[in-house]
Amino acid sequence: MAAYKALLTVDLSGANTAQKAVFYESLKIETWQRLGQMESVWRCSWNDTEYDTAVEAIKADVNKAALAASIQRYPYAFQLGTNIVKSF
């Protein structure tokens, strides 16, 4: 087990402003934090977890946010590791 940090980017270019607001609020509820001033880049961390557990948590959080916001198309990518996610 380790402390993992995730960097997430989501393409919501097909969503309207209200849908984006609901999506982002859902991520915040799941303890995701917006990275700097970038609208669709987020970070999150987990302490004492397995890698696969963190991967499943990321997928679940994104899918839950999309469902809450009624967004059908939401391509995303993430990077997961033990280093701190930084922005400048």
Protein backbone atom coordinates (compact mmCIF):
# COMPACT_ATOMS: atom_id res chain seq x y z
CA MET A 1 0.00 0.00 0.00
CA ALA A 2 1.11 3.53 -0.73
CA ALA A 3 -0.02 7.12 -0.86
CA TYR A 4 -1.07 7.79 -4.46
CA LYS A 5 -1.65 11.11 -6.17
CA ALA A 6 -3.70 11.51 -9.34
CA LEU A 7 -3.71 14.09 -12.09
CA LEU A 8 -6.96 14.09 -14.07
CA THR A 9 -7.92 15.97 -17.22
CA VAL A 10 -11.44 15.85 -18.62
CA ASP A 11 -12.71 17.11 -21.97
CA LEU A 12 -16.17 18.58 -21.42
CA SER A 13 -16.23 20.59 -24.65
CA GLY A 14 -19.67 19.21 -25.52
CA ALA A 15 -21.21 20.13 -22.16
CA ASN A 16 -23.02 23.35 -21.37
CA THR A 17 -22.13 25.67 -18.48
CA ALA A 18 -24.71 24.18 -16.11
CA GLN A 19 -23.57 20.63 -16.82
CA LYS A 20 -19.95 21.58 -16.22
CA ALA A 21 -20.88 23.19 -12.89
CA VAL A 22 -22.64 20.01 -11.72
CA PHE A 23 -19.75 17.84 -12.93
CA TYR A 24 -17.14 19.94 -11.14
CA GLU A 25 -19.18 20.11 -7.94
CA SER A 26 -19.43 16.32 -7.93
CA LEU A 27 -15.64 16.04 -8.22
CA LYS A 28 -15.23 18.48 -5.32
CA ILE A 29 -17.55 16.35 -3.16
CA GLU A 30 -15.24 13.39 -3.85
CA THR A 31 -12.27 15.50 -2.60
CA TRP A 32 -10.85 16.42 -6.02
CA GLN A 33 -9.18 19.83 -6.21
CA ARG A 34 -8.93 21.98 -9.31
CA LEU A 35 -5.31 22.41 -10.33
CA GLY A 36 -4.43 26.09 -10.55
CA GLN A 37 -6.58 28.10 -12.95
CA MET A 38 -7.08 25.23 -15.39
CA GLU A 39 -10.78 24.49 -15.72
CA SER A 40 -10.60 20.81 -16.53
CA VAL A 41 -7.46 19.66 -14.69
CA TRP A 42 -7.85 18.15 -11.23
CA ARG A 43 -5.83 16.38 -8.57
CA CYS A 44 -6.67 14.00 -5.76
CA SER A 45 -4.76 11.80 -3.35
CA TRP A 46 -5.30 8.65 -1.34
CA ASN A 47 -3.33 7.45 1.67
CA ASP A 48 -2.55 3.79 2.30
CA THR A 49 -4.27 2.31 -0.73
CA GLU A 50 -3.51 -0.14 -3.50
CA TYR A 51 -2.82 1.14 -7.02
CA ASP A 52 -5.80 -0.71 -8.54
CA THR A 53 -8.10 0.63 -5.82
CA ALA A 54 -7.08 4.20 -6.66
CA VAL A 55 -7.64 3.55 -10.39
CA GLU A 56 -11.14 2.26 -9.70
CA ALA A 57 -11.86 5.26 -7.46
CA ILE A 58 -10.85 7.66 -10.24
CA LYS A 59 -13.06 5.93 -12.79
CA ALA A 60 -15.98 5.82 -10.33
CA ASP A 61 -15.63 9.51 -9.42
CA VAL A 62 -15.55 10.62 -13.06
CA ASN A 63 -18.47 8.39 -14.05
CA LYS A 64 -20.50 9.56 -11.05
CA ALA A 65 -19.87 13.21 -11.95
CA ALA A 66 -20.88 12.62 -15.57
CA LEU A 67 -24.07 10.85 -14.51
CA ALA A 68 -24.97 13.65 -12.08
CA ALA A 69 -24.42 16.22 -14.83
CA SER A 70 -26.19 14.21 -17.55
CA ILE A 71 -23.07 14.30 -19.72
CA GLN A 72 -22.87 11.50 -22.27
CA ARG A 73 -19.43 12.14 -23.75
CA TYR A 74 -16.54 12.92 -21.41
CA PRO A 75 -13.15 11.69 -22.59
CA TYR A 76 -10.60 11.81 -19.81
CA ALA A 77 -7.07 10.80 -18.97
CA PHE A 78 -5.28 10.42 -15.69
CA GLN A 79 -1.84 9.80 -14.34
CA LEU A 80 -1.39 8.07 -11.01
CA GLY A 81 1.79 7.86 -8.98
CA THR A 82 3.43 8.59 -5.68
CA ASN A 83 4.90 12.00 -6.56
CA ILE A 84 3.17 15.26 -5.69
CA VAL A 85 1.16 16.90 -8.48
CA LYS A 86 2.35 20.48 -8.98
CA SER A 87 1.18 23.41 -11.04
CA PHE A 88 2.93 26.65 -11.96
